[in-house]
């Protein structure tokens, strides 16, 4: 698998999404790409143009997060990347983890994806202050409600 690493985003106690992160040029063609690098001109499903070592405009990231949630909750494989797959990629992964309720999202990403993710103090502060919208929370809440139904349908023993 291309990329720097993978991050498991917890949905509930038994389920999680796996998101791949790394340099965006390595995004496999079968994945939906979240491009965090302003300088890369490759097509993507979600574009959040951000300069290196910087943070994106909140409205742009919020819109991109909603688009990424749509893809992820629909079961699409997601690849998040920038030029190196560390700072801006880590920022988005941390915001995504935060949306799913991870309490210390930067530390979570650093311990489960890449230890140098979210490279600058400004990026760290940005993640911690980034507001998850009510719409985004409702998308996840609705998915969690139905995820249990799908889980039990797949895993219940069927008698003849």
N, C-alpha and C. Protein backbone atom coordinates (compact mmCIF):
# COMPACT_ATOMS: atom_id res chain seq x y z
N UNK A 1 0.85 -1.19 0.00
CA UNK A 1 0.00 0.00 0.00
C UNK A 1 0.88 1.23 0.00
N UNK A 2 0.56 2.16 -0.88
CA UNK A 2 1.28 3.43 -0.92
C UNK A 2 0.97 4.24 0.32
N UNK A 3 1.78 5.22 0.58
CA UNK A 3 1.50 6.12 1.70
C UNK A 3 2.47 5.95 2.84
N UNK A 4 2.36 6.86 3.76
CA UNK A 4 3.23 6.89 4.93
C UNK A 4 2.72 5.96 6.02
N UNK A 5 1.41 5.90 6.18
CA UNK A 5 0.83 5.06 7.23
C UNK A 5 -0.67 5.05 7.15
N UNK A 6 -1.26 4.41 8.14
CA UNK A 6 -2.71 4.35 8.20
C UNK A 6 -3.17 4.74 9.60
N UNK A 7 -4.38 5.24 9.67
CA UNK A 7 -4.95 5.65 10.94
C UNK A 7 -6.33 5.03 11.06
N UNK A 8 -6.56 4.38 12.20
CA UNK A 8 -7.89 3.84 12.49
C UNK A 8 -8.69 4.91 13.22
N UNK A 9 -9.81 5.27 12.63
CA UNK A 9 -10.72 6.26 13.22
C UNK A 9 -11.84 5.48 13.92
N UNK A 10 -11.92 5.56 15.25
CA UNK A 10 -12.94 4.77 15.96
C UNK A 10 -14.35 5.28 15.71
N UNK A 11 -15.23 4.35 15.35
CA UNK A 11 -16.64 4.68 15.14
C UNK A 11 -17.42 4.41 16.42
N UNK A 12 -17.17 3.26 17.00
CA UNK A 12 -17.79 2.85 18.26
C UNK A 12 -16.86 1.83 18.90
N UNK A 13 -17.33 1.08 19.84
CA UNK A 13 -16.48 0.14 20.54
C UNK A 13 -15.93 -1.00 19.70
N UNK A 14 -16.57 -1.32 18.60
CA UNK A 14 -16.17 -2.48 17.80
C UNK A 14 -15.76 -2.15 16.38
N UNK A 15 -16.07 -0.97 15.91
CA UNK A 15 -15.84 -0.65 14.50
C UNK A 15 -14.97 0.59 14.36
N UNK A 16 -14.29 0.65 13.25
CA UNK A 16 -13.45 1.80 12.95
C UNK A 16 -13.31 1.93 11.44
N UNK A 17 -12.93 3.10 11.01
CA UNK A 17 -12.55 3.34 9.62
C UNK A 17 -11.04 3.38 9.56
N UNK A 18 -10.45 2.86 8.50
CA UNK A 18 -9.02 2.99 8.27
C UNK A 18 -8.82 4.01 7.16
N UNK A 19 -8.05 5.03 7.47
CA UNK A 19 -7.73 6.08 6.49
C UNK A 19 -6.23 6.02 6.25
N UNK A 20 -5.83 6.06 5.00
CA UNK A 20 -4.42 6.03 4.62
C UNK A 20 -3.94 7.47 4.46
N UNK A 21 -2.73 7.74 4.89
CA UNK A 21 -2.14 9.06 4.74
C UNK A 21 -0.73 8.97 4.20
N UNK A 22 -0.30 10.04 3.54
CA UNK A 22 1.05 10.08 3.01
C UNK A 22 1.19 11.16 1.96
N UNK A 23 2.26 11.11 1.20
CA UNK A 23 2.43 12.09 0.11
C UNK A 23 1.29 11.94 -0.90
N UNK A 24 0.65 13.04 -1.25
CA UNK A 24 -0.51 12.95 -2.12
C UNK A 24 -0.21 12.36 -3.49
N UNK A 25 0.97 12.61 -4.08
CA UNK A 25 1.24 11.98 -5.38
C UNK A 25 1.19 10.46 -5.35
N UNK A 26 1.27 9.84 -4.17
CA UNK A 26 1.20 8.38 -4.05
C UNK A 26 -0.22 7.85 -3.86
N UNK A 27 -1.21 8.70 -3.94
CA UNK A 27 -2.60 8.27 -3.75
C UNK A 27 -2.97 7.23 -4.80
N UNK A 28 -3.37 6.04 -4.36
CA UNK A 28 -3.77 5.00 -5.33
C UNK A 28 -5.01 5.43 -6.10
N UNK A 29 -5.11 5.04 -7.36
CA UNK A 29 -6.25 5.47 -8.18
C UNK A 29 -7.60 4.96 -7.69
N UNK A 30 -7.62 3.92 -6.89
CA UNK A 30 -8.89 3.37 -6.38
C UNK A 30 -9.37 4.09 -5.12
N UNK A 31 -8.57 4.99 -4.58
CA UNK A 31 -8.93 5.72 -3.37
C UNK A 31 -9.48 7.10 -3.71
N UNK A 32 -10.32 7.61 -2.84
CA UNK A 32 -10.77 9.00 -2.92
C UNK A 32 -9.75 9.84 -2.18
N UNK A 33 -9.18 10.81 -2.86
CA UNK A 33 -8.11 11.59 -2.28
C UNK A 33 -8.54 12.89 -1.65
N UNK A 34 -8.00 13.17 -0.47
CA UNK A 34 -8.15 14.46 0.19
C UNK A 34 -6.78 15.14 0.04
N UNK A 35 -6.73 16.16 -0.80
CA UNK A 35 -5.47 16.82 -1.08
C UNK A 35 -5.33 18.07 -0.21
N UNK A 36 -4.28 18.09 0.61
CA UNK A 36 -4.04 19.20 1.52
C UNK A 36 -2.98 20.17 1.01
N UNK A 37 -2.33 19.87 -0.11
CA UNK A 37 -1.22 20.67 -0.60
C UNK A 37 -1.65 21.62 -1.71
N UNK A 38 -1.45 22.89 -1.48
CA UNK A 38 -1.78 23.91 -2.47
C UNK A 38 -0.93 23.75 -3.72
N UNK A 39 0.32 23.29 -3.55
CA UNK A 39 1.26 23.24 -4.66
C UNK A 39 1.09 22.03 -5.58
N UNK A 40 0.28 21.06 -5.21
CA UNK A 40 0.08 19.87 -6.04
C UNK A 40 -1.12 20.07 -6.96
N UNK A 41 -0.95 19.77 -8.21
CA UNK A 41 -1.99 19.99 -9.22
C UNK A 41 -2.70 18.70 -9.67
N UNK A 42 -2.56 17.65 -8.93
CA UNK A 42 -3.19 16.37 -9.26
C UNK A 42 -4.68 16.41 -8.90
N UNK A 43 -5.55 15.78 -9.71
CA UNK A 43 -6.99 15.76 -9.38
C UNK A 43 -7.24 15.02 -8.06
N UNK A 44 -8.34 15.41 -7.41
CA UNK A 44 -8.68 14.81 -6.11
C UNK A 44 -10.19 14.88 -5.90
N UNK A 45 -10.66 14.15 -4.91
CA UNK A 45 -12.08 14.19 -4.55
C UNK A 45 -12.38 15.37 -3.64
N UNK A 46 -11.43 15.69 -2.76
CA UNK A 46 -11.59 16.79 -1.80
C UNK A 46 -10.32 17.64 -1.84
N UNK A 47 -10.48 18.91 -2.14
CA UNK A 47 -9.32 19.81 -2.24
C UNK A 47 -9.36 20.84 -1.12
N UNK A 48 -8.34 20.83 -0.28
CA UNK A 48 -8.20 21.79 0.81
C UNK A 48 -6.84 22.45 0.64
N UNK A 49 -6.74 23.41 -0.30
CA UNK A 49 -5.44 24.00 -0.62
C UNK A 49 -4.83 24.73 0.57
N UNK A 50 -3.68 24.21 1.02
CA UNK A 50 -3.01 24.74 2.21
C UNK A 50 -1.53 24.86 1.91
N UNK A 51 -0.94 25.98 2.26
CA UNK A 51 0.50 26.16 2.07
C UNK A 51 1.26 25.34 3.10
N UNK A 52 2.49 24.93 2.74
CA UNK A 52 3.31 24.12 3.60
C UNK A 52 3.55 24.81 4.95
N UNK A 53 3.45 24.06 6.03
CA UNK A 53 3.62 24.52 7.41
C UNK A 53 2.55 25.53 7.84
N UNK A 54 1.47 25.61 7.12
CA UNK A 54 0.40 26.55 7.45
C UNK A 54 -0.88 25.79 7.79
N UNK A 55 -1.94 26.57 7.99
CA UNK A 55 -3.27 26.01 8.25
C UNK A 55 -4.23 26.53 7.19
N UNK A 56 -5.24 25.74 6.85
CA UNK A 56 -6.22 26.20 5.85
C UNK A 56 -7.23 27.16 6.47
N UNK A 57 -7.96 27.88 5.61
CA UNK A 57 -9.07 28.70 6.10
C UNK A 57 -10.09 27.76 6.72
N UNK A 58 -10.66 28.17 7.83
CA UNK A 58 -11.61 27.29 8.55
C UNK A 58 -12.78 26.85 7.70
N UNK A 59 -13.33 27.78 6.90
CA UNK A 59 -14.48 27.44 6.08
C UNK A 59 -14.11 26.38 5.04
N UNK A 60 -12.91 26.51 4.49
CA UNK A 60 -12.45 25.55 3.47
C UNK A 60 -12.26 24.17 4.09
N UNK A 61 -11.64 24.13 5.27
CA UNK A 61 -11.45 22.83 5.93
C UNK A 61 -12.78 22.24 6.37
N UNK A 62 -13.68 23.06 6.86
CA UNK A 62 -14.98 22.56 7.29
C UNK A 62 -15.74 21.95 6.12
N UNK A 63 -15.72 22.63 4.97
CA UNK A 63 -16.37 22.10 3.77
C UNK A 63 -15.70 20.79 3.34
N UNK A 64 -14.36 20.78 3.36
CA UNK A 64 -13.64 19.56 2.98
C UNK A 64 -13.89 18.42 3.95
N UNK A 65 -14.01 18.73 5.23
CA UNK A 65 -14.31 17.69 6.22
C UNK A 65 -15.68 17.08 5.95
N UNK A 66 -16.66 17.91 5.64
CA UNK A 66 -18.00 17.40 5.31
C UNK A 66 -17.95 16.49 4.09
N UNK A 67 -17.21 16.91 3.06
CA UNK A 67 -17.07 16.08 1.86
C UNK A 67 -16.40 14.75 2.19
N UNK A 68 -15.34 14.80 2.99
CA UNK A 68 -14.62 13.58 3.37
C UNK A 68 -15.51 12.66 4.20
N UNK A 69 -16.30 13.23 5.10
CA UNK A 69 -17.23 12.42 5.89
C UNK A 69 -18.24 11.73 5.00
N UNK A 70 -18.76 12.45 4.01
CA UNK A 70 -19.68 11.84 3.05
C UNK A 70 -19.06 10.61 2.40
N UNK A 71 -17.82 10.75 1.96
CA UNK A 71 -17.12 9.64 1.29
C UNK A 71 -16.86 8.49 2.26
N UNK A 72 -16.34 8.81 3.41
CA UNK A 72 -15.99 7.80 4.41
C UNK A 72 -17.22 7.03 4.89
N UNK A 73 -18.28 7.76 5.19
CA UNK A 73 -19.50 7.12 5.70
C UNK A 73 -20.22 6.32 4.61
N UNK A 74 -19.91 6.62 3.35
CA UNK A 74 -20.47 5.85 2.24
C UNK A 74 -19.63 4.61 1.94
N UNK A 75 -18.53 4.44 2.68
CA UNK A 75 -17.70 3.26 2.50
C UNK A 75 -16.57 3.41 1.50
N UNK A 76 -16.31 4.62 1.05
CA UNK A 76 -15.24 4.84 0.09
C UNK A 76 -13.88 4.80 0.79
N UNK A 77 -12.86 4.21 0.16
CA UNK A 77 -11.52 4.24 0.75
C UNK A 77 -10.94 5.65 0.64
N UNK A 78 -10.39 6.15 1.72
CA UNK A 78 -9.94 7.54 1.78
C UNK A 78 -8.42 7.61 1.96
N UNK A 79 -7.80 8.47 1.16
CA UNK A 79 -6.37 8.73 1.25
C UNK A 79 -6.19 10.22 1.45
N UNK A 80 -5.47 10.59 2.51
CA UNK A 80 -5.23 12.00 2.83
C UNK A 80 -3.76 12.27 2.59
N UNK A 81 -3.46 13.37 1.88
CA UNK A 81 -2.06 13.64 1.62
C UNK A 81 -1.74 15.09 1.33
N UNK A 82 -0.48 15.40 1.54
CA UNK A 82 0.08 16.70 1.16
C UNK A 82 1.40 16.35 0.45
N UNK A 83 2.40 17.18 0.55
CA UNK A 83 3.65 16.87 -0.14
C UNK A 83 4.42 15.75 0.56
N UNK A 84 4.57 15.83 1.88
CA UNK A 84 5.32 14.81 2.61
C UNK A 84 4.46 13.84 3.40
N UNK A 85 3.17 14.19 3.59
CA UNK A 85 2.27 13.31 4.34
C UNK A 85 2.37 13.42 5.84
N UNK A 86 2.89 14.57 6.33
CA UNK A 86 3.12 14.70 7.77
C UNK A 86 2.33 15.85 8.40
N UNK A 87 2.71 17.07 8.10
CA UNK A 87 2.12 18.23 8.78
C UNK A 87 0.67 18.50 8.41
N UNK A 88 0.42 18.85 7.16
CA UNK A 88 -0.94 19.16 6.73
C UNK A 88 -1.81 17.92 6.72
N UNK A 89 -1.23 16.79 6.34
CA UNK A 89 -1.96 15.52 6.38
C UNK A 89 -2.34 15.19 7.82
N UNK A 90 -1.38 15.31 8.73
CA UNK A 90 -1.65 15.06 10.14
C UNK A 90 -2.71 15.98 10.69
N UNK A 91 -2.68 17.24 10.26
CA UNK A 91 -3.70 18.21 10.68
C UNK A 91 -5.09 17.72 10.30
N UNK A 92 -5.27 17.30 9.05
CA UNK A 92 -6.59 16.84 8.63
C UNK A 92 -6.99 15.56 9.37
N UNK A 93 -6.05 14.63 9.52
CA UNK A 93 -6.36 13.39 10.23
C UNK A 93 -6.77 13.67 11.67
N UNK A 94 -6.11 14.64 12.30
CA UNK A 94 -6.45 15.00 13.68
C UNK A 94 -7.84 15.63 13.75
N UNK A 95 -8.18 16.48 12.79
CA UNK A 95 -9.52 17.06 12.76
C UNK A 95 -10.57 15.97 12.52
N UNK A 96 -10.26 15.03 11.65
CA UNK A 96 -11.17 13.91 11.39
C UNK A 96 -11.36 13.08 12.67
N UNK A 97 -10.27 12.79 13.37
CA UNK A 97 -10.38 12.06 14.64
C UNK A 97 -11.20 12.85 15.65
N UNK A 98 -10.99 14.14 15.69
CA UNK A 98 -11.76 15.01 16.60
C UNK A 98 -13.24 14.94 16.27
N UNK A 99 -13.58 14.92 14.99
CA UNK A 99 -14.99 14.84 14.59
C UNK A 99 -15.63 13.55 15.09
N UNK A 100 -14.84 12.48 15.19
CA UNK A 100 -15.36 11.20 15.68
C UNK A 100 -15.27 11.07 17.19
N UNK A 101 -14.88 12.15 17.87
CA UNK A 101 -14.92 12.16 19.32
C UNK A 101 -13.63 11.81 20.03
N UNK A 102 -12.53 11.69 19.30
CA UNK A 102 -11.25 11.43 19.96
C UNK A 102 -10.88 12.66 20.78
N UNK A 103 -10.63 12.47 22.06
CA UNK A 103 -10.43 13.61 22.96
C UNK A 103 -9.10 14.33 22.77
N UNK A 104 -8.05 13.62 22.50
CA UNK A 104 -6.73 14.24 22.27
C UNK A 104 -6.31 13.89 20.85
N UNK A 105 -6.91 14.55 19.86
CA UNK A 105 -6.73 14.12 18.47
C UNK A 105 -5.30 14.21 17.94
N UNK A 106 -4.56 15.24 18.31
CA UNK A 106 -3.18 15.34 17.81
C UNK A 106 -2.33 14.23 18.39
N UNK A 107 -2.45 13.99 19.66
CA UNK A 107 -1.69 12.92 20.30
C UNK A 107 -2.09 11.56 19.73
N UNK A 108 -3.38 11.39 19.46
CA UNK A 108 -3.87 10.15 18.86
C UNK A 108 -3.23 9.92 17.50
N UNK A 109 -3.21 10.96 16.67
CA UNK A 109 -2.62 10.84 15.34
C UNK A 109 -1.11 10.59 15.44
N UNK A 110 -0.47 11.27 16.36
CA UNK A 110 0.97 11.07 16.53
C UNK A 110 1.31 9.66 17.01
N UNK A 111 0.47 9.09 17.82
CA UNK A 111 0.78 7.75 18.33
C UNK A 111 0.28 6.63 17.42
N UNK A 112 -0.69 6.90 16.56
CA UNK A 112 -1.24 5.84 15.72
C UNK A 112 -0.97 5.99 14.22
N UNK A 113 -0.48 7.15 13.80
CA UNK A 113 -0.20 7.37 12.38
C UNK A 113 1.28 7.69 12.16
N UNK A 114 1.74 8.82 12.68
CA UNK A 114 3.12 9.25 12.48
C UNK A 114 3.49 10.18 13.62
N UNK A 115 4.60 9.90 14.27
CA UNK A 115 4.93 10.63 15.50
C UNK A 115 5.24 12.11 15.30
N UNK A 116 5.54 12.53 14.07
CA UNK A 116 5.81 13.94 13.82
C UNK A 116 4.66 14.63 13.08
N UNK A 117 3.50 14.00 13.05
CA UNK A 117 2.32 14.59 12.39
C UNK A 117 1.92 15.88 13.12
N UNK A 118 1.32 16.78 12.38
CA UNK A 118 0.95 18.11 12.89
C UNK A 118 2.25 18.78 13.33
N UNK A 119 2.94 19.36 12.37
CA UNK A 119 4.33 19.77 12.57
C UNK A 119 4.56 21.06 13.34
N UNK A 120 3.63 21.99 13.30
CA UNK A 120 3.89 23.29 13.91
C UNK A 120 2.96 23.56 15.09
N UNK A 121 3.37 24.44 16.00
CA UNK A 121 2.48 24.84 17.10
C UNK A 121 1.18 25.47 16.59
N UNK A 122 1.24 26.22 15.49
CA UNK A 122 0.03 26.81 14.93
C UNK A 122 -0.94 25.73 14.44
N UNK A 123 -0.40 24.68 13.82
CA UNK A 123 -1.25 23.58 13.36
C UNK A 123 -1.88 22.86 14.56
N UNK A 124 -1.11 22.66 15.61
CA UNK A 124 -1.62 22.02 16.82
C UNK A 124 -2.77 22.84 17.41
N UNK A 125 -2.54 24.12 17.57
CA UNK A 125 -3.58 25.00 18.14
C UNK A 125 -4.81 25.04 17.25
N UNK A 126 -4.59 25.05 15.93
CA UNK A 126 -5.69 25.06 14.97
C UNK A 126 -6.60 23.85 15.17
N UNK A 127 -5.98 22.67 15.29
CA UNK A 127 -6.77 21.45 15.50
C UNK A 127 -7.56 21.54 16.79
N UNK A 128 -6.91 21.98 17.86
CA UNK A 128 -7.56 22.01 19.16
C UNK A 128 -8.72 23.00 19.19
N UNK A 129 -8.64 24.07 18.42
CA UNK A 129 -9.70 25.09 18.41
C UNK A 129 -10.70 24.90 17.29
N UNK A 130 -10.44 23.97 16.37
CA UNK A 130 -11.32 23.80 15.21
C UNK A 130 -12.70 23.33 15.65
N UNK A 131 -13.76 24.04 15.24
CA UNK A 131 -15.11 23.64 15.64
C UNK A 131 -15.70 22.60 14.68
N UNK A 132 -16.16 21.51 15.23
CA UNK A 132 -16.90 20.51 14.45
C UNK A 132 -18.34 20.97 14.42
N UNK A 133 -18.91 21.10 13.23
CA UNK A 133 -20.26 21.66 13.11
C UNK A 133 -21.32 20.65 13.57
N UNK A 134 -22.48 21.17 13.85
CA UNK A 134 -23.61 20.32 14.23
C UNK A 134 -23.95 19.35 13.10
N UNK A 135 -23.91 19.82 11.87
CA UNK A 135 -24.19 18.97 10.72
C UNK A 135 -23.21 17.80 10.66
N UNK A 136 -21.93 18.07 10.87
CA UNK A 136 -20.92 17.01 10.85
C UNK A 136 -21.14 16.02 11.99
N UNK A 137 -21.47 16.53 13.17
CA UNK A 137 -21.75 15.64 14.31
C UNK A 137 -22.97 14.77 14.03
N UNK A 138 -23.99 15.35 13.42
CA UNK A 138 -25.20 14.59 13.10
C UNK A 138 -24.94 13.51 12.05
N UNK A 139 -24.07 13.80 11.08
CA UNK A 139 -23.71 12.79 10.07
C UNK A 139 -23.11 11.57 10.76
N UNK A 140 -22.20 11.80 11.68
CA UNK A 140 -21.53 10.72 12.38
C UNK A 140 -22.49 10.00 13.32
N UNK A 141 -23.31 10.76 14.02
CA UNK A 141 -24.29 10.16 14.94
C UNK A 141 -25.26 9.25 14.18
N UNK A 142 -25.73 9.71 13.04
CA UNK A 142 -26.64 8.91 12.23
C UNK A 142 -25.96 7.63 11.75
N UNK A 143 -24.72 7.74 11.33
CA UNK A 143 -23.98 6.56 10.89
C UNK A 143 -23.82 5.57 12.04
N UNK A 144 -23.44 6.07 13.22
CA UNK A 144 -23.26 5.19 14.38
C UNK A 144 -24.53 4.43 14.70
N UNK A 145 -25.66 5.11 14.59
CA UNK A 145 -26.94 4.47 14.88
C UNK A 145 -27.16 3.29 13.94
N UNK A 146 -26.90 3.47 12.65
CA UNK A 146 -27.12 2.42 11.67
C UNK A 146 -25.98 1.42 11.63
N UNK A 147 -24.80 1.81 12.05
CA UNK A 147 -23.66 0.89 12.03
C UNK A 147 -23.93 -0.34 12.89
N UNK A 148 -24.59 -0.15 14.01
CA UNK A 148 -24.91 -1.29 14.87
C UNK A 148 -25.87 -2.24 14.17
N UNK A 149 -26.84 -1.71 13.45
CA UNK A 149 -27.78 -2.56 12.72
C UNK A 149 -27.04 -3.39 11.68
N UNK A 150 -26.17 -2.73 10.89
CA UNK A 150 -25.41 -3.45 9.87
C UNK A 150 -24.48 -4.48 10.50
N UNK A 151 -23.86 -4.13 11.63
CA UNK A 151 -22.96 -5.05 12.32
C UNK A 151 -23.72 -6.31 12.73
N UNK A 152 -24.86 -6.15 13.38
CA UNK A 152 -25.61 -7.30 13.86
C UNK A 152 -26.19 -8.12 12.71
N UNK A 153 -26.60 -7.49 11.65
CA UNK A 153 -27.10 -8.25 10.49
C UNK A 153 -25.99 -9.12 9.90
N UNK A 154 -24.77 -8.61 9.87
CA UNK A 154 -23.65 -9.37 9.32
C UNK A 154 -23.20 -10.47 10.26
N UNK A 155 -23.33 -10.27 11.55
CA UNK A 155 -22.71 -11.16 12.52
C UNK A 155 -23.65 -12.07 13.30
N UNK A 156 -24.94 -11.93 13.12
CA UNK A 156 -25.87 -12.82 13.81
C UNK A 156 -25.84 -14.20 13.15
N UNK A 157 -25.94 -15.23 13.96
CA UNK A 157 -26.01 -16.59 13.44
C UNK A 157 -27.40 -16.80 12.86
N UNK A 158 -27.44 -17.31 11.67
CA UNK A 158 -28.73 -17.58 11.02
C UNK A 158 -29.03 -19.08 11.13
N UNK A 159 -30.16 -19.37 11.70
CA UNK A 159 -30.57 -20.78 11.82
C UNK A 159 -31.34 -21.18 10.58
N UNK A 160 -31.20 -22.47 10.19
CA UNK A 160 -31.92 -22.95 8.99
C UNK A 160 -33.41 -23.04 9.22
